Amino acid sequence: MPYTGGPLNELNGKMGISAPYRSVPVMKLIRIHKPKSKDELVELIKKHFEEDCNCGIKSQGTVEDFGRNLYNSQIKYWGEYRYSLKDCIQWEYDLFVVQSLKGNIVEKKAEKILRQALPEYLFEEAEGYLDEELRIDILVKLDDEEKCGIQVKPVTFNKMRPEVILFNKGANKRWGKPVYYMFYDDNELFQNVEDIVVKIKNI
């Protein structure tokens, strides 16, 4: 099972190692190129670092590079090396490759469930500014009017550091429309579908 929590999560967040402009906008990469495997995604990230692509996405390094950045940032943050380079590369691999592919599959699943529950609404992937800056995964429309946004998150999101939650909510708020959180468990089962459906209907 991938492990992307713990002290390395804190280090990664505080030092901005996986910020899209310092690494790669990985969900955008997945949406455009649709990799079918973990190895394919690793290669895609590497290719977008070494070569220019028509899609316009540029990676700032490979997964190994991101792991190295995490490893090197320990001295500045903790004043010592608490984790090996291997641990740091594995952590970034789990974050960028394993979790990102899972996240993409779960988002598609969320869209399908919402479409079935609310067939009169249009549900589509949020892109560009909405996705990257405002942290919105799914855009909800009715009669061509944007009604609200959905963020698809693991239920463990609620246990993250308050500043991470506040950062997400702050980004959502800048949109000026409601953004609701759809939570899934370890089995990728959604916890609050009925609640979300009611909220969308009540807008």
Protein backbone atom coordinates (compact mmCIF):
# COMPACT_ATOMS: atom_id res chain seq x y z
CA MET A 1 0.00 0.00 0.00
CA PRO A 2 1.44 3.42 -0.89
CA TYR A 3 2.47 5.57 2.04
CA THR A 4 2.26 9.32 1.51
CA GLY A 5 1.64 10.54 5.06
CA GLY A 6 3.85 11.08 8.11
CA PRO A 7 6.76 13.49 8.65
CA LEU A 8 7.77 13.36 4.96
CA ASN A 9 4.30 14.65 4.09
CA GLU A 10 4.92 17.62 6.39
CA LEU A 11 8.39 18.18 4.90
CA ASN A 12 7.09 17.89 1.33
CA GLY A 13 4.27 20.37 2.01
CA LYS A 14 6.26 22.94 3.97
CA MET A 15 9.13 22.96 1.48
CA GLY A 16 6.80 22.99 -1.55
CA ILE A 17 8.56 20.02 -3.18
CA SER A 18 5.49 18.78 -5.09
CA ALA A 19 4.01 22.19 -5.95
CA PRO A 20 3.07 21.91 -9.69
CA TYR A 21 5.39 24.76 -10.77
CA ARG A 22 8.33 23.12 -8.93
CA SER A 23 7.59 19.56 -10.06
CA VAL A 24 4.91 18.68 -12.65
CA PRO A 25 1.13 19.26 -12.91
CA VAL A 26 0.67 15.51 -12.82
CA MET A 27 -3.15 15.31 -12.95
CA LYS A 28 -3.13 17.47 -16.08
CA LEU A 29 -0.47 15.19 -17.58
CA ILE A 30 -2.65 12.13 -16.83
CA ARG A 31 -5.75 13.77 -18.33
CA ILE A 32 -4.01 14.69 -21.58
CA HIS A 33 -1.84 11.60 -22.16
CA LYS A 34 -3.95 8.94 -20.35
CA PRO A 35 -1.13 6.62 -19.17
CA LYS A 36 -2.27 3.02 -18.62
CA SER A 37 0.36 2.00 -16.08
CA LYS A 38 2.66 3.30 -13.36
CA ASP A 39 5.75 2.76 -15.54
CA GLU A 40 4.14 4.72 -18.36
CA LEU A 41 3.44 7.66 -16.03
CA VAL A 42 7.05 7.61 -14.73
CA GLU A 43 8.26 7.75 -18.36
CA LEU A 44 5.81 10.54 -19.22
CA ILE A 45 7.11 12.69 -16.35
CA LYS A 46 10.71 12.04 -17.48
CA LYS A 47 9.89 12.76 -21.14
CA HIS A 48 8.20 16.06 -20.25
CA PHE A 49 11.38 17.05 -18.41
CA GLU A 50 13.80 16.09 -21.18
CA GLU A 51 11.75 17.10 -24.23
CA ASP A 52 9.17 19.68 -25.28
CA CYS A 53 5.68 18.36 -25.90
CA ASN A 54 2.81 19.90 -27.88
CA CYS A 55 0.65 19.66 -24.76
CA GLY A 56 2.65 22.53 -23.24
CA ILE A 57 3.35 20.73 -19.94
CA LYS A 58 6.93 20.98 -18.71
CA SER A 59 8.20 18.90 -15.82
CA GLN A 60 10.90 20.32 -13.58
CA GLY A 61 12.52 16.91 -13.19
CA THR A 62 11.99 13.16 -12.94
CA VAL A 63 10.37 11.31 -10.02
CA GLU A 64 13.91 10.56 -8.79
CA ASP A 65 14.72 14.28 -8.93
CA PHE A 66 11.67 15.10 -6.80
CA GLY A 67 12.80 12.45 -4.30
CA ARG A 68 16.27 13.99 -4.27
CA ASN A 69 14.77 17.44 -3.65
CA LEU A 70 12.82 16.00 -0.71
CA TYR A 71 15.94 14.29 0.65
CA ASN A 72 18.06 17.45 0.37
CA SER A 73 15.43 19.65 2.01
CA GLN A 74 15.69 17.70 5.30
CA ILE A 75 18.82 19.61 6.39
CA LYS A 76 17.16 23.00 5.92
CA TYR A 77 13.97 21.90 7.68
CA TRP A 78 15.16 19.52 10.42
CA GLY A 79 18.90 20.19 10.52
CA GLU A 80 19.55 16.48 9.92
CA TYR A 81 18.83 13.59 7.56
CA ARG A 82 16.02 11.51 9.07
CA TYR A 83 15.18 9.54 5.91
CA SER A 84 17.36 7.89 3.29
CA LEU A 85 17.41 9.01 -0.34
CA LYS A 86 15.69 5.70 -1.22
CA ASP A 87 12.86 6.46 1.24
CA CYS A 88 12.41 9.94 -0.22
CA ILE A 89 12.30 8.72 -3.83
CA GLN A 90 9.79 6.01 -2.84
CA TRP A 91 7.64 8.62 -1.07
CA GLU A 92 7.52 10.90 -4.14
CA TYR A 93 6.85 7.88 -6.39
CA ASP A 94 3.86 6.94 -4.24
CA LEU A 95 2.61 10.53 -4.35
CA PHE A 96 3.13 11.34 -8.05
CA VAL A 97 2.53 7.94 -9.59
CA VAL A 98 0.49 5.60 -7.37
CA GLN A 99 -1.80 8.15 -5.72
CA SER A 100 -2.24 10.31 -8.84
CA LEU A 101 -3.36 7.36 -10.99
CA LYS A 102 -5.71 6.26 -8.21
CA GLY A 103 -7.01 9.81 -7.85
CA ASN A 104 -7.78 10.03 -11.55
CA ILE A 105 -9.74 6.73 -11.48
CA VAL A 106 -11.68 7.80 -8.37
CA GLU A 107 -12.58 11.18 -9.92
CA LYS A 108 -14.03 9.40 -12.97
CA LYS A 109 -16.00 7.14 -10.64
CA ALA A 110 -17.37 10.17 -8.77
CA GLU A 111 -18.49 11.77 -12.05
CA LYS A 112 -20.31 8.59 -13.07
CA ILE A 113 -22.12 8.27 -9.70
CA LEU A 114 -23.23 11.92 -9.81
CA ARG A 115 -24.45 11.61 -13.42
CA GLN A 116 -26.59 8.64 -12.46
CA ALA A 117 -28.03 10.45 -9.43
CA LEU A 118 -28.60 13.77 -11.23
CA PRO A 119 -29.08 13.09 -14.96
CA GLU A 120 -30.36 16.61 -15.66
CA TYR A 121 -26.99 18.10 -14.63
CA LEU A 122 -23.73 18.12 -16.57
CA PHE A 123 -20.61 16.93 -14.75
CA GLU A 124 -17.21 17.54 -16.35
CA GLU A 125 -13.56 17.61 -15.35
CA ALA A 126 -12.40 21.00 -14.16
CA GLU A 127 -9.36 22.16 -16.12
CA GLY A 128 -6.70 24.85 -16.12
CA TYR A 129 -7.16 27.63 -13.56
CA LEU A 130 -10.14 25.96 -11.86
CA ASP A 131 -8.23 22.72 -11.36
CA GLU A 132 -4.71 23.99 -10.65
CA GLU A 133 -5.35 27.20 -8.71
CA LEU A 134 -8.84 26.81 -7.24
CA ARG A 135 -8.50 23.10 -6.44
CA ILE A 136 -11.73 22.00 -8.15
CA ASP A 137 -11.94 18.48 -9.63
CA ILE A 138 -15.44 18.37 -11.11
CA LEU A 139 -17.49 21.22 -12.54
CA VAL A 140 -21.28 20.99 -12.11
CA LYS A 141 -23.49 22.73 -14.69
CA LEU A 142 -27.21 23.08 -15.28
CA ASP A 143 -28.49 24.61 -18.55
CA ASP A 144 -24.92 25.75 -19.37
CA GLU A 145 -24.63 27.63 -16.08
CA GLU A 146 -21.84 26.73 -13.64
CA LYS A 147 -23.56 25.84 -10.38
CA CYS A 148 -20.84 24.46 -8.12
CA GLY A 149 -17.61 22.49 -7.96
CA ILE A 150 -16.69 19.14 -6.42
CA GLN A 151 -13.41 18.17 -4.77
CA VAL A 152 -12.82 14.41 -4.62
CA LYS A 153 -10.74 13.51 -1.57
CA PRO A 154 -9.85 10.48 0.56
CA VAL A 155 -11.63 10.58 3.91
CA THR A 156 -8.16 10.91 5.53
CA PHE A 157 -8.08 14.48 4.15
CA ASN A 158 -10.03 15.51 7.26
CA LYS A 159 -7.11 14.40 9.43
CA MET A 160 -4.53 16.46 7.56
CA ARG A 161 -2.85 19.50 9.08
CA PRO A 162 -5.29 22.43 9.49
CA GLU A 163 -3.19 24.65 7.19
CA VAL A 164 -3.51 22.12 4.32
CA ILE A 165 -7.31 22.03 4.72
CA LEU A 166 -7.46 25.82 5.01
CA PHE A 167 -5.29 26.24 1.91
CA ASN A 168 -7.69 24.09 -0.13
CA LYS A 169 -10.79 25.80 1.23
CA GLY A 170 -9.20 29.23 0.67
CA ALA A 171 -8.46 28.33 -2.96
CA ASN A 172 -12.06 27.11 -3.39
CA LYS A 173 -13.46 30.32 -1.91
CA ARG A 174 -11.75 32.49 -4.54
CA TRP A 175 -14.12 31.03 -7.14
CA GLY A 176 -17.16 32.61 -5.50
CA LYS A 177 -19.38 29.55 -6.02
CA PRO A 178 -19.94 26.59 -3.65
CA VAL A 179 -17.36 23.79 -3.68
CA TYR A 180 -18.40 20.52 -2.02
CA TYR A 181 -16.11 17.71 -0.86
CA MET A 182 -16.90 14.15 -1.89
CA PHE A 183 -15.03 11.69 0.34
CA TYR A 184 -14.00 8.09 -0.40
CA ASP A 185 -12.56 5.38 1.88
CA ASP A 186 -9.69 2.91 1.37
CA ASN A 187 -11.98 0.70 -0.73
CA GLU A 188 -12.79 3.68 -2.99
CA LEU A 189 -16.37 3.73 -1.73
CA PHE A 190 -17.89 7.19 -1.44
CA GLN A 191 -19.11 8.22 1.99
CA ASN A 192 -21.38 11.23 1.41
CA VAL A 193 -23.04 10.91 -2.02
CA GLU A 194 -26.58 11.57 -0.74
CA ASP A 195 -25.43 14.67 1.10
CA ILE A 196 -23.73 16.02 -2.06
CA VAL A 197 -26.79 15.27 -4.21
CA VAL A 198 -29.04 17.21 -1.80
CA LYS A 199 -26.63 20.15 -1.73
CA ILE A 200 -26.47 20.34 -5.55
CA LYS A 201 -30.28 20.21 -5.80
CA ASN A 202 -30.60 22.99 -3.23
CA ILE A 203 -28.41 25.52 -5.06
